[in-house]
Amino acid sequence: FQTVDLVDAMRDTGADLSRLRVDGGAASNDLLMKFQADLLGVPVDRPAQLDTTAFGAAFLAGLALGVFDGPAAVRRTHRIAETHEPSMEPAQRDAHLARWRDAVGRARSSRIEP
């Protein structure tokens, strides 16, 4: 749900998000990626190489050492392993998001007494 809020903020600045590319450990969770696609209403692409932080560091080292002839060579190695397409009905998505926003609103208005 926080991802939806972040993407909405990006869209408010004029960013056009037609798909989401993910990586990291959570990206291996099919249910989570499908739910992200459904809530965002855009396809979610999962790469073949999930640990892109280490992969990126290795590529930067390779660029510095001349192993790769430039960023385009690095981009050519990127492979999408799976794409999760949105299929949730808009009314169901809106209901999920309304409950999320209600919960956030209630949490913001709560006061914690010492």
PDB file of N, CA and C in Angstrom:
ATOM      1  N   PHE A   1       0.825  -1.197   0.000  1.00  0.00           N
ATOM      2  CA  PHE A   1       0.000   0.000   0.000  1.00  0.00           C
ATOM      3  C   PHE A   1       0.865   1.256   0.000  1.00  0.00           C
ATOM      4  N   GLN A   2       1.999   1.190   0.717  1.00  0.00           N
ATOM      5  CA  GLN A   2       2.910   2.336   0.720  1.00  0.00           C
ATOM      6  C   GLN A   2       3.485   2.578  -0.670  1.00  0.00           C
ATOM      7  N   THR A   3       3.670   1.528  -1.435  1.00  0.00           N
ATOM      8  CA  THR A   3       4.171   1.684  -2.798  1.00  0.00           C
ATOM      9  C   THR A   3       3.167   2.476  -3.633  1.00  0.00           C
ATOM     10  N   VAL A   4       1.888   2.218  -3.445  1.00  0.00           N
ATOM     11  CA  VAL A   4       0.854   2.971  -4.159  1.00  0.00           C
ATOM     12  C   VAL A   4       0.955   4.451  -3.798  1.00  0.00           C
ATOM     13  N   ASP A   5       1.121   4.743  -2.512  1.00  0.00           N
ATOM     14  CA  ASP A   5       1.247   6.142  -2.084  1.00  0.00           C
ATOM     15  C   ASP A   5       2.462   6.804  -2.731  1.00  0.00           C
ATOM     16  N   LEU A   6       3.579   6.080  -2.769  1.00  0.00           N
ATOM     17  CA  LEU A   6       4.794   6.619  -3.382  1.00  0.00           C
ATOM     18  C   LEU A   6       4.604   6.857  -4.874  1.00  0.00           C
ATOM     19  N   VAL A   7       4.028   5.900  -5.562  1.00  0.00           N
ATOM     20  CA  VAL A   7       3.800   6.044  -7.003  1.00  0.00           C
ATOM     21  C   VAL A   7       2.814   7.183  -7.276  1.00  0.00           C
ATOM     22  N   ASP A   8       1.787   7.314  -6.444  1.00  0.00           N
ATOM     23  CA  ASP A   8       0.860   8.434  -6.601  1.00  0.00           C
ATOM     24  C   ASP A   8       1.578   9.767  -6.452  1.00  0.00           C
ATOM     25  N   ALA A   9       2.500   9.856  -5.495  1.00  0.00           N
ATOM     26  CA  ALA A   9       3.269  11.086  -5.314  1.00  0.00           C
ATOM     27  C   ALA A   9       4.139  11.359  -6.547  1.00  0.00           C
ATOM     28  N   MET A  10       4.712  10.315  -7.111  1.00  0.00           N
ATOM     29  CA  MET A  10       5.518  10.474  -8.331  1.00  0.00           C
ATOM     30  C   MET A  10       4.640  10.946  -9.486  1.00  0.00           C
ATOM     31  N   ARG A  11       3.450  10.379  -9.583  1.00  0.00           N
ATOM     32  CA  ARG A  11       2.525  10.782 -10.651  1.00  0.00           C
ATOM     33  C   ARG A  11       2.099  12.237 -10.473  1.00  0.00           C
ATOM     34  N   ASP A  12       1.976  12.685  -9.215  1.00  0.00           N
ATOM     35  CA  ASP A  12       1.613  14.085  -8.943  1.00  0.00           C
ATOM     36  C   ASP A  12       2.655  15.054  -9.489  1.00  0.00           C
ATOM     37  N   THR A  13       3.893  14.597  -9.649  1.00  0.00           N
ATOM     38  CA  THR A  13       4.950  15.465 -10.179  1.00  0.00           C
ATOM     39  C   THR A  13       5.013  15.407 -11.707  1.00  0.00           C
ATOM     40  N   GLY A  14       4.127  14.599 -12.302  1.00  0.00           N
ATOM     41  CA  GLY A  14       4.109  14.499 -13.754  1.00  0.00           C
ATOM     42  C   GLY A  14       4.763  13.252 -14.304  1.00  0.00           C
ATOM     43  N   ALA A  15       5.297  12.400 -13.423  1.00  0.00           N
ATOM     44  CA  ALA A  15       5.923  11.159 -13.880  1.00  0.00           C
ATOM     45  C   ALA A  15       4.861  10.244 -14.472  1.00  0.00           C
ATOM     46  N   ASP A  16       5.187   9.640 -15.602  1.00  0.00           N
ATOM     47  CA  ASP A  16       4.273   8.711 -16.255  1.00  0.00           C
ATOM     48  C   ASP A  16       4.765   7.299 -15.984  1.00  0.00           C
ATOM     49  N   LEU A  17       4.093   6.601 -15.085  1.00  0.00           N
ATOM     50  CA  LEU A  17       4.509   5.255 -14.719  1.00  0.00           C
ATOM     51  C   LEU A  17       3.600   4.254 -15.422  1.00  0.00           C
ATOM     52  N   SER A  18       4.125   3.625 -16.461  1.00  0.00           N
ATOM     53  CA  SER A  18       3.334   2.651 -17.208  1.00  0.00           C
ATOM     54  C   SER A  18       3.632   1.223 -16.779  1.00  0.00           C
ATOM     55  N   ARG A  19       4.708   1.027 -15.997  1.00  0.00           N
ATOM     56  CA  ARG A  19       5.041  -0.284 -15.435  1.00  0.00           C
ATOM     57  C   ARG A  19       6.020  -0.066 -14.292  1.00  0.00           C
ATOM     58  N   LEU A  20       6.137  -1.068 -13.444  1.00  0.00           N
ATOM     59  CA  LEU A  20       7.031  -0.992 -12.301  1.00  0.00           C
ATOM     60  C   LEU A  20       8.054  -2.104 -12.426  1.00  0.00           C
ATOM     61  N   ARG A  21       9.312  -1.755 -12.293  1.00  0.00           N
ATOM     62  CA  ARG A  21      10.390  -2.744 -12.265  1.00  0.00           C
ATOM     63  C   ARG A  21      10.805  -2.928 -10.824  1.00  0.00           C
ATOM     64  N   VAL A  22      10.895  -4.173 -10.396  1.00  0.00           N
ATOM     65  CA  VAL A  22      11.195  -4.489  -9.005  1.00  0.00           C
ATOM     66  C   VAL A  22      12.489  -5.281  -8.920  1.00  0.00           C
ATOM     67  N   ASP A  23      13.041  -5.360  -7.717  1.00  0.00           N
ATOM     68  CA  ASP A  23      14.200  -6.212  -7.455  1.00  0.00           C
ATOM     69  C   ASP A  23      14.277  -6.453  -5.961  1.00  0.00           C
ATOM     70  N   GLY A  24      15.237  -7.239  -5.540  1.00  0.00           N
ATOM     71  CA  GLY A  24      15.417  -7.520  -4.125  1.00  0.00           C
ATOM     72  C   GLY A  24      14.649  -8.746  -3.678  1.00  0.00           C
ATOM     73  N   GLY A  25      14.828  -9.082  -2.427  1.00  0.00           N
ATOM     74  CA  GLY A  25      14.248 -10.294  -1.875  1.00  0.00           C
ATOM     75  C   GLY A  25      12.738 -10.366  -1.960  1.00  0.00           C
ATOM     76  N   ALA A  26      12.051  -9.256  -1.668  1.00  0.00           N
ATOM     77  CA  ALA A  26      10.587  -9.266  -1.695  1.00  0.00           C
ATOM     78  C   ALA A  26      10.048  -9.520  -3.100  1.00  0.00           C
ATOM     79  N   ALA A  27      10.835  -9.191  -4.112  1.00  0.00           N
ATOM     80  CA  ALA A  27      10.384  -9.377  -5.499  1.00  0.00           C
ATOM     81  C   ALA A  27      10.219 -10.845  -5.858  1.00  0.00           C
ATOM     82  N   SER A  28      10.762 -11.747  -5.054  1.00  0.00           N
ATOM     83  CA  SER A  28      10.608 -13.174  -5.345  1.00  0.00           C
ATOM     84  C   SER A  28       9.240 -13.701  -4.910  1.00  0.00           C
ATOM     85  N   ASN A  29       8.475 -12.889  -4.202  1.00  0.00           N
ATOM     86  CA  ASN A  29       7.163 -13.293  -3.706  1.00  0.00           C
ATOM     87  C   ASN A  29       6.107 -13.020  -4.784  1.00  0.00           C
ATOM     88  N   ASP A  30       5.624 -14.083  -5.434  1.00  0.00           N
ATOM     89  CA  ASP A  30       4.648 -13.943  -6.515  1.00  0.00           C
ATOM     90  C   ASP A  30       3.364 -13.249  -6.069  1.00  0.00           C
ATOM     91  N   LEU A  31       2.864 -13.618  -4.889  1.00  0.00           N
ATOM     92  CA  LEU A  31       1.623 -13.020  -4.394  1.00  0.00           C
ATOM     93  C   LEU A  31       1.784 -11.516  -4.198  1.00  0.00           C
ATOM     94  N   LEU A  32       2.897 -11.106  -3.622  1.00  0.00           N
ATOM     95  CA  LEU A  32       3.148  -9.680  -3.406  1.00  0.00           C
ATOM     96  C   LEU A  32       3.255  -8.933  -4.734  1.00  0.00           C
ATOM     97  N   MET A  33       3.959  -9.506  -5.692  1.00  0.00           N
ATOM     98  CA  MET A  33       4.130  -8.825  -6.989  1.00  0.00           C
ATOM     99  C   MET A  33       2.804  -8.717  -7.733  1.00  0.00           C
ATOM    100  N   LYS A  34       1.975  -9.748  -7.643  1.00  0.00           N
ATOM    101  CA  LYS A  34       0.651  -9.707  -8.279  1.00  0.00           C
ATOM    102  C   LYS A  34      -0.209  -8.651  -7.606  1.00  0.00           C
ATOM    103  N   PHE A  35      -0.142  -8.583  -6.275  1.00  0.00           N
ATOM    104  CA  PHE A  35      -0.928  -7.595  -5.544  1.00  0.00           C
ATOM    105  C   PHE A  35      -0.462  -6.178  -5.878  1.00  0.00           C
ATOM    106  N   GLN A  36       0.854  -5.989  -6.022  1.00  0.00           N
ATOM    107  CA  GLN A  36       1.379  -4.680  -6.422  1.00  0.00           C
ATOM    108  C   GLN A  36       0.832  -4.286  -7.793  1.00  0.00           C
ATOM    109  N   ALA A  37       0.857  -5.231  -8.730  1.00  0.00           N
ATOM    110  CA  ALA A  37       0.323  -4.952 -10.075  1.00  0.00           C
ATOM    111  C   ALA A  37      -1.150  -4.576 -10.003  1.00  0.00           C
ATOM    112  N   ASP A  38      -1.903  -5.326  -9.202  1.00  0.00           N
ATOM    113  CA  ASP A  38      -3.330  -5.047  -9.077  1.00  0.00           C
ATOM    114  C   ASP A  38      -3.596  -3.685  -8.444  1.00  0.00           C
ATOM    115  N   LEU A  39      -2.882  -3.355  -7.361  1.00  0.00           N
ATOM    116  CA  LEU A  39      -3.117  -2.073  -6.688  1.00  0.00           C
ATOM    117  C   LEU A  39      -2.672  -0.888  -7.530  1.00  0.00           C
ATOM    118  N   LEU A  40      -1.565  -1.052  -8.258  1.00  0.00           N
ATOM    119  CA  LEU A  40      -1.043   0.042  -9.081  1.00  0.00           C
ATOM    120  C   LEU A  40      -1.747   0.156 -10.420  1.00  0.00           C
ATOM    121  N   GLY A  41      -2.304  -0.960 -10.885  1.00  0.00           N
ATOM    122  CA  GLY A  41      -2.954  -0.963 -12.190  1.00  0.00           C
ATOM    123  C   GLY A  41      -1.979  -0.942 -13.344  1.00  0.00           C
ATOM    124  N   VAL A  42      -0.729  -1.374 -13.086  1.00  0.00           N
ATOM    125  CA  VAL A  42       0.298  -1.436 -14.129  1.00  0.00           C
ATOM    126  C   VAL A  42       1.035  -2.770 -14.014  1.00  0.00           C
ATOM    127  N   PRO A  43       1.652  -3.237 -15.107  1.00  0.00           N
ATOM    128  CA  PRO A  43       2.451  -4.460 -15.016  1.00  0.00           C
ATOM    129  C   PRO A  43       3.652  -4.277 -14.095  1.00  0.00           C
ATOM    130  N   VAL A  44       4.026  -5.343 -13.413  1.00  0.00           N
ATOM    131  CA  VAL A  44       5.196  -5.354 -12.540  1.00  0.00           C
ATOM    132  C   VAL A  44       6.200  -6.348 -13.125  1.00  0.00           C
ATOM    133  N   ASP A  45       7.374  -5.848 -13.500  1.00  0.00           N
ATOM    134  CA  ASP A  45       8.422  -6.668 -14.108  1.00  0.00           C
ATOM    135  C   ASP A  45       9.437  -7.104 -13.063  1.00  0.00           C
ATOM    136  N   ARG A  46       9.665  -8.421 -12.994  1.00  0.00           N
ATOM    137  CA  ARG A  46      10.668  -8.971 -12.086  1.00  0.00           C
ATOM    138  C   ARG A  46      11.846  -9.445 -12.936  1.00  0.00           C
ATOM    139  N   PRO A  47      13.064  -8.990 -12.618  1.00  0.00           N
ATOM    140  CA  PRO A  47      14.227  -9.388 -13.416  1.00  0.00           C
ATOM    141  C   PRO A  47      14.689 -10.806 -13.089  1.00  0.00           C
ATOM    142  N   ALA A  48      15.452 -11.367 -13.987  1.00  0.00           N
ATOM    143  CA  ALA A  48      16.043 -12.686 -13.745  1.00  0.00           C
ATOM    144  C   ALA A  48      17.032 -12.605 -12.584  1.00  0.00           C
ATOM    145  N   GLN A  49      17.758 -11.495 -12.491  1.00  0.00           N
ATOM    146  CA  GLN A  49      18.736 -11.273 -11.419  1.00  0.00           C
ATOM    147  C   GLN A  49      18.083 -10.383 -10.366  1.00  0.00           C
ATOM    148  N   LEU A  50      17.693 -10.973  -9.227  1.00  0.00           N
ATOM    149  CA  LEU A  50      16.998 -10.202  -8.192  1.00  0.00           C
ATOM    150  C   LEU A  50      17.921  -9.318  -7.378  1.00  0.00           C
ATOM    151  N   ASP A  51      19.162  -9.727  -7.170  1.00  0.00           N
ATOM    152  CA  ASP A  51      20.093  -8.963  -6.333  1.00  0.00           C
ATOM    153  C   ASP A  51      20.798  -7.910  -7.177  1.00  0.00           C
ATOM    154  N   THR A  52      20.064  -6.882  -7.572  1.00  0.00           N
ATOM    155  CA  THR A  52      20.619  -5.896  -8.488  1.00  0.00           C
ATOM    156  C   THR A  52      21.610  -4.943  -7.830  1.00  0.00           C
ATOM    157  N   THR A  53      21.606  -4.846  -6.500  1.00  0.00           N
ATOM    158  CA  THR A  53      22.586  -3.984  -5.844  1.00  0.00           C
ATOM    159  C   THR A  53      23.991  -4.529  -6.069  1.00  0.00           C
ATOM    160  N   ALA A  54      24.187  -5.802  -5.765  1.00  0.00           N
ATOM    161  CA  ALA A  54      25.495  -6.426  -5.977  1.00  0.00           C
ATOM    162  C   ALA A  54      25.823  -6.489  -7.464  1.00  0.00           C
ATOM    163  N   PHE A  55      24.812  -6.786  -8.263  1.00  0.00           N
ATOM    164  CA  PHE A  55      25.004  -6.857  -9.711  1.00  0.00           C
ATOM    165  C   PHE A  55      25.446  -5.492 -10.253  1.00  0.00           C
ATOM    166  N   GLY A  56      24.803  -4.431  -9.779  1.00  0.00           N
ATOM    167  CA  GLY A  56      25.153  -3.079 -10.210  1.00  0.00           C
ATOM    168  C   GLY A  56      26.565  -2.694  -9.804  1.00  0.00           C
ATOM    169  N   ALA A  57      26.953  -3.059  -8.592  1.00  0.00           N
ATOM    170  CA  ALA A  57      28.313  -2.763  -8.137  1.00  0.00           C
ATOM    171  C   ALA A  57      29.336  -3.489  -9.009  1.00  0.00           C
ATOM    172  N   ALA A  58      29.033  -4.733  -9.361  1.00  0.00           N
ATOM    173  CA  ALA A  58      29.944  -5.496 -10.228  1.00  0.00           C
ATOM    174  C   ALA A  58      30.034  -4.851 -11.611  1.00  0.00           C
ATOM    175  N   PHE A  59      28.916  -4.394 -12.131  1.00  0.00           N
ATOM    176  CA  PHE A  59      28.936  -3.733 -13.435  1.00  0.00           C
ATOM    177  C   PHE A  59      29.724  -2.425 -13.395  1.00  0.00           C
ATOM    178  N   LEU A  60      29.560  -1.663 -12.321  1.00  0.00           N
ATOM    179  CA  LEU A  60      30.323  -0.421 -12.204  1.00  0.00           C
ATOM    180  C   LEU A  60      31.817  -0.705 -12.177  1.00  0.00           C
ATOM    181  N   ALA A  61      32.207  -1.743 -11.457  1.00  0.00           N
ATOM    182  CA  ALA A  61      33.621  -2.130 -11.437  1.00  0.00           C
ATOM    183  C   ALA A  61      34.063  -2.544 -12.837  1.00  0.00           C
ATOM    184  N   GLY A  62      33.210  -3.303 -13.521  1.00  0.00           N
ATOM    185  CA  GLY A  62      33.522  -3.723 -14.886  1.00  0.00           C
ATOM    186  C   GLY A  62      33.639  -2.553 -15.838  1.00  0.00           C
ATOM    187  N   LEU A  63      32.797  -1.548 -15.669  1.00  0.00           N
ATOM    188  CA  LEU A  63      32.895  -0.340 -16.499  1.00  0.00           C
ATOM    189  C   LEU A  63      34.207   0.384 -16.222  1.00  0.00           C
ATOM    190  N   ALA A  64      34.562   0.501 -14.945  1.00  0.00           N
ATOM    191  CA  ALA A  64      35.793   1.194 -14.571  1.00  0.00           C
ATOM    192  C   ALA A  64      37.030   0.484 -15.109  1.00  0.00           C
ATOM    193  N   LEU A  65      36.964  -0.839 -15.178  1.00  0.00           N
ATOM    194  CA  LEU A  65      38.117  -1.625 -15.642  1.00  0.00           C
ATOM    195  C   LEU A  65      38.111  -1.851 -17.158  1.00  0.00           C
ATOM    196  N   GLY A  66      37.076  -1.363 -17.819  1.00  0.00           N
ATOM    197  CA  GLY A  66      37.015  -1.522 -19.267  1.00  0.00           C
ATOM    198  C   GLY A  66      36.488  -2.861 -19.745  1.00  0.00           C
ATOM    199  N   VAL A  67      35.922  -3.648 -18.832  1.00  0.00           N
ATOM    200  CA  VAL A  67      35.329  -4.930 -19.210  1.00  0.00           C
ATOM    201  C   VAL A  67      34.111  -4.700 -20.105  1.00  0.00           C
ATOM    202  N   PHE A  68      33.367  -3.634 -19.812  1.00  0.00           N
ATOM    203  CA  PHE A  68      32.203  -3.253 -20.617  1.00  0.00           C
ATOM    204  C   PHE A  68      32.528  -1.961 -21.335  1.00  0.00           C
ATOM    205  N   ASP A  69      32.022  -1.809 -22.547  1.00  0.00           N
ATOM    206  CA  ASP A  69      32.347  -0.622 -23.328  1.00  0.00           C
ATOM    207  C   ASP A  69      31.430   0.565 -23.042  1.00  0.00           C
ATOM    208  N   GLY A  70      30.484   0.404 -22.141  1.00  0.00           N
ATOM    209  CA  GLY A  70      29.626   1.517 -21.771  1.00  0.00           C
ATOM    210  C   GLY A  70      28.329   1.036 -21.154  1.00  0.00           C
ATOM    211  N   PRO A  71      27.500   1.974 -20.716  1.00  0.00           N
ATOM    212  CA  PRO A  71      26.228   1.621 -20.071  1.00  0.00           C
ATOM    213  C   PRO A  71      25.308   0.777 -20.955  1.00  0.00           C
ATOM    214  N   ALA A  72      25.367   0.981 -22.256  1.00  0.00           N
ATOM    215  CA  ALA A  72      24.503   0.194 -23.144  1.00  0.00           C
ATOM    216  C   ALA A  72      24.819  -1.298 -23.042  1.00  0.00           C
ATOM    217  N   ALA A  73      26.087  -1.637 -22.866  1.00  0.00           N
ATOM    218  CA  ALA A  73      26.478  -3.043 -22.721  1.00  0.00           C
ATOM    219  C   ALA A  73      25.881  -3.630 -21.445  1.00  0.00           C
ATOM    220  N   VAL A  74      25.821  -2.829 -20.417  1.00  0.00           N
ATOM    221  CA  VAL A  74      25.236  -3.273 -19.160  1.00  0.00           C
ATOM    222  C   VAL A  74      23.728  -3.460 -19.333  1.00  0.00           C
ATOM    223  N   ARG A  75      23.067  -2.491 -19.972  1.00  0.00           N
ATOM    224  CA  ARG A  75      21.621  -2.582 -20.181  1.00  0.00           C
ATOM    225  C   ARG A  75      21.236  -3.825 -20.982  1.00  0.00           C
ATOM    226  N   ARG A  76      22.082  -4.238 -21.898  1.00  0.00           N
ATOM    227  CA  ARG A  76      21.763  -5.420 -22.716  1.00  0.00           C
ATOM    228  C   ARG A  76      21.721  -6.700 -21.899  1.00  0.00           C
ATOM    229  N   THR A  77      22.303  -6.706 -20.717  1.00  0.00           N
ATOM    230  CA  THR A  77      22.304  -7.910 -19.889  1.00  0.00           C
ATOM    231  C   THR A  77      21.025  -8.049 -19.058  1.00  0.00           C
ATOM    232  N   HIS A  78      20.237  -6.984 -18.975  1.00  0.00           N
ATOM    233  CA  HIS A  78      19.011  -7.002 -18.158  1.00  0.00           C
ATOM    234  C   HIS A  78      17.957  -7.892 -18.813  1.00  0.00           C
ATOM    235  N   ARG A  79      17.449  -8.841 -18.057  1.00  0.00           N
ATOM    236  CA  ARG A  79      16.428  -9.763 -18.541  1.00  0.00           C
ATOM    237  C   ARG A  79      15.248  -9.778 -17.579  1.00  0.00           C
ATOM    238  N   ILE A  80      14.061  -9.678 -18.123  1.00  0.00           N
ATOM    239  CA  ILE A  80      12.849  -9.786 -17.318  1.00  0.00           C
ATOM    240  C   ILE A  80      12.487 -11.264 -17.228  1.00  0.00           C
ATOM    241  N   ALA A  81      12.394 -11.779 -16.014  1.00  0.00           N
ATOM    242  CA  ALA A  81      12.054 -13.190 -15.808  1.00  0.00           C
ATOM    243  C   ALA A  81      10.550 -13.400 -15.840  1.00  0.00           C
ATOM    244  N   GLU A  82       9.814 -12.418 -15.312  1.00  0.00           N
ATOM    245  CA  GLU A  82       8.367 -12.569 -15.214  1.00  0.00           C
ATOM    246  C   GLU A  82       7.712 -11.202 -15.116  1.00  0.00           C
ATOM    247  N   THR A  83       6.547 -11.091 -15.719  1.00  0.00           N
ATOM    248  CA  THR A  83       5.741  -9.878 -15.611  1.00  0.00           C
ATOM    249  C   THR A  83       4.402 -10.250 -14.999  1.00  0.00           C
ATOM    250  N   HIS A  84       4.041  -9.540 -13.954  1.00  0.00           N
ATOM    251  CA  HIS A  84       2.740  -9.733 -13.314  1.00  0.00           C
ATOM    252  C   HIS A  84       1.811  -8.642 -13.828  1.00  0.00           C
ATOM    253  N   GLU A  85       0.723  -9.060 -14.442  1.00  0.00           N
ATOM    254  CA  GLU A  85      -0.237  -8.127 -15.036  1.00  0.00           C
ATOM    255  C   GLU A  85      -1.369  -7.842 -14.055  1.00  0.00           C
ATOM    256  N   PRO A  86      -1.854  -6.606 -14.030  1.00  0.00           N
ATOM    257  CA  PRO A  86      -2.994  -6.305 -13.154  1.00  0.00           C
ATOM    258  C   PRO A  86      -4.276  -6.934 -13.700  1.00  0.00           C
ATOM    259  N   SER A  87      -5.104  -7.448 -12.790  1.00  0.00           N
ATOM    260  CA  SER A  87      -6.388  -8.015 -13.223  1.00  0.00           C
ATOM    261  C   SER A  87      -7.522  -7.714 -12.241  1.00  0.00           C
ATOM    262  N   MET A  88      -7.201  -7.045 -11.151  1.00  0.00           N
ATOM    263  CA  MET A  88      -8.210  -6.728 -10.147  1.00  0.00           C
ATOM    264  C   MET A  88      -9.206  -5.713 -10.712  1.00  0.00           C
ATOM    265  N   GLU A  89     -10.467  -5.916 -10.393  1.00  0.00           N
ATOM    266  CA  GLU A  89     -11.500  -4.970 -10.807  1.00  0.00           C
ATOM    267  C   GLU A  89     -11.277  -3.629 -10.103  1.00  0.00           C
ATOM    268  N   PRO A  90     -11.490  -2.522 -10.818  1.00  0.00           N
ATOM    269  CA  PRO A  90     -11.271  -1.201 -10.210  1.00  0.00           C
ATOM    270  C   PRO A  90     -12.034  -0.983  -8.905  1.00  0.00           C
ATOM    271  N   ALA A  91     -13.245  -1.489  -8.805  1.00  0.00           N
ATOM    272  CA  ALA A  91     -14.031  -1.311  -7.575  1.00  0.00           C
ATOM    273  C   ALA A  91     -13.377  -2.017  -6.397  1.00  0.00           C
ATOM    274  N   GLN A  92     -12.825  -3.201  -6.648  1.00  0.00           N
ATOM    275  CA  GLN A  92     -12.140  -3.932  -5.573  1.00  0.00           C
ATOM    276  C   GLN A  92     -10.861  -3.205  -5.169  1.00  0.00           C
ATOM    277  N   ARG A  93     -10.093  -2.720  -6.168  1.00  0.00           N
ATOM    278  CA  ARG A  93      -8.873  -1.966  -5.878  1.00  0.00           C
ATOM    279  C   ARG A  93      -9.216  -0.720  -5.066  1.00  0.00           C
ATOM    280  N   ASP A  94     -10.252   0.002  -5.491  1.00  0.00           N
ATOM    281  CA  ASP A  94     -10.647   1.218  -4.773  1.00  0.00           C
ATOM    282  C   ASP A  94     -11.048   0.915  -3.335  1.00  0.00           C
ATOM    283  N   ALA A  95     -11.705  -0.229  -3.109  1.00  0.00           N
ATOM    284  CA  ALA A  95     -12.107  -0.606  -1.754  1.00  0.00           C
ATOM    285  C   ALA A  95     -10.882  -0.899  -0.886  1.00  0.00           C
ATOM    286  N   HIS A  96      -9.908  -1.624  -1.440  1.00  0.00           N
ATOM    287  CA  HIS A  96      -8.665  -1.893  -0.695  1.00  0.00           C
ATOM    288  C   HIS A  96      -7.977  -0.578  -0.322  1.00  0.00           C
ATOM    289  N   LEU A  97      -7.864   0.313  -1.305  1.00  0.00           N
ATOM    290  CA  LEU A  97      -7.160   1.575  -1.059  1.00  0.00           C
ATOM    291  C   LEU A  97      -7.924   2.470  -0.095  1.00  0.00           C
ATOM    292  N   ALA A  98      -9.246   2.434  -0.133  1.00  0.00           N
ATOM    293  CA  ALA A  98     -10.041   3.226   0.805  1.00  0.00           C
ATOM    294  C   ALA A  98      -9.807   2.742   2.244  1.00  0.00           C
ATOM    295  N   ARG A  99      -9.753   1.412   2.434  1.00  0.00           N
ATOM    296  CA  ARG A  99      -9.472   0.881   3.776  1.00  0.00           C
ATOM    297  C   ARG A  99      -8.069   1.262   4.234  1.00  0.00           C
ATOM    298  N   TRP A 100      -7.102   1.232   3.327  1.00  0.00           N
ATOM    299  CA  TRP A 100      -5.729   1.626   3.652  1.00  0.00           C
ATOM    300  C   TRP A 100      -5.691   3.094   4.078  1.00  0.00           C
ATOM    301  N   ARG A 101      -6.296   3.951   3.293  1.00  0.00           N
ATOM    302  CA  ARG A 101      -6.267   5.394   3.590  1.00  0.00           C
ATOM    303  C   ARG A 101      -7.008   5.699   4.894  1.00  0.00           C
ATOM    304  N   ASP A 102      -8.091   4.969   5.156  1.00  0.00           N
ATOM    305  CA  ASP A 102      -8.805   5.136   6.414  1.00  0.00           C
ATOM    306  C   ASP A 102      -7.907   4.746   7.585  1.00  0.00           C
ATOM    307  N   ALA A 103      -7.200   3.626   7.460  1.00  0.00           N
ATOM    308  CA  ALA A 103      -6.301   3.172   8.528  1.00  0.00           C
ATOM    309  C   ALA A 103      -5.174   4.169   8.760  1.00  0.00           C
ATOM    310  N   VAL A 104      -4.612   4.700   7.681  1.00  0.00           N
ATOM    311  CA  VAL A 104      -3.545   5.702   7.820  1.00  0.00           C
ATOM    312  C   VAL A 104      -4.087   6.946   8.506  1.00  0.00           C
ATOM    313  N   GLY A 105      -5.274   7.371   8.120  1.00  0.00           N
ATOM    314  CA  GLY A 105      -5.886   8.547   8.749  1.00  0.00           C
ATOM    315  C   GLY A 105      -6.130   8.346  10.232  1.00  0.00           C
ATOM    316  N   ARG A 106      -6.600   7.151  10.599  1.00  0.00           N
ATOM    317  CA  ARG A 106      -6.830   6.868  12.015  1.00  0.00           C
ATOM    318  C   ARG A 106      -5.518   6.824  12.782  1.00  0.00           C
ATOM    319  N   ALA A 107      -4.463   6.272  12.167  1.00  0.00           N
ATOM    320  CA  ALA A 107      -3.159   6.202  12.844  1.00  0.00           C
ATOM    321  C   ALA A 107      -2.577   7.598  13.032  1.00  0.00           C
ATOM    322  N   ARG A 108      -2.785   8.456  12.080  1.00  0.00           N
ATOM    323  CA  ARG A 108      -2.265   9.825  12.207  1.00  0.00           C
ATOM    324  C   ARG A 108      -2.983  10.606  13.303  1.00  0.00           C
ATOM    325  N   SER A 109      -4.247  10.322  13.513  1.00  0.00           N
ATOM    326  CA  SER A 109      -4.985  11.096  14.496  1.00  0.00           C
ATOM    327  C   SER A 109      -4.897  10.504  15.892  1.00  0.00           C
ATOM    328  N   SER A 110      -4.273   9.341  16.012  1.00  0.00           N
ATOM    329  CA  SER A 110      -4.121   8.724  17.335  1.00  0.00           C
ATOM    330  C   SER A 110      -3.017   9.423  18.104  1.00  0.00           C
ATOM    331  N   ARG A 111      -3.258   9.571  19.376  1.00  0.00           N
ATOM    332  CA  ARG A 111      -2.242  10.155  20.250  1.00  0.00           C
ATOM    333  C   ARG A 111      -1.783   9.067  21.200  1.00  0.00           C
ATOM    334  N   ILE A 112      -0.511   8.967  21.345  1.00  0.00           N
ATOM    335  CA  ILE A 112       0.037   7.983  22.278  1.00  0.00           C
ATOM    336  C   ILE A 112       0.331   8.717  23.582  1.00  0.00           C
ATOM    337  N   GLU A 113      -0.311   8.267  24.628  1.00  0.00           N
ATOM    338  CA  GLU A 113      -0.108   8.868  25.936  1.00  0.00           C
ATOM    339  C   GLU A 113       1.091   8.213  26.611  1.00  0.00           C
ATOM    340  N   PRO A 114       1.948   9.018  27.253  1.00  0.00           N
ATOM    341  CA  PRO A 114       3.138   8.447  27.944  1.00  0.00           C
ATOM    342  C   PRO A 114       2.751   7.627  29.153  1.00  0.00           C
TER     343      PRO A 114
END
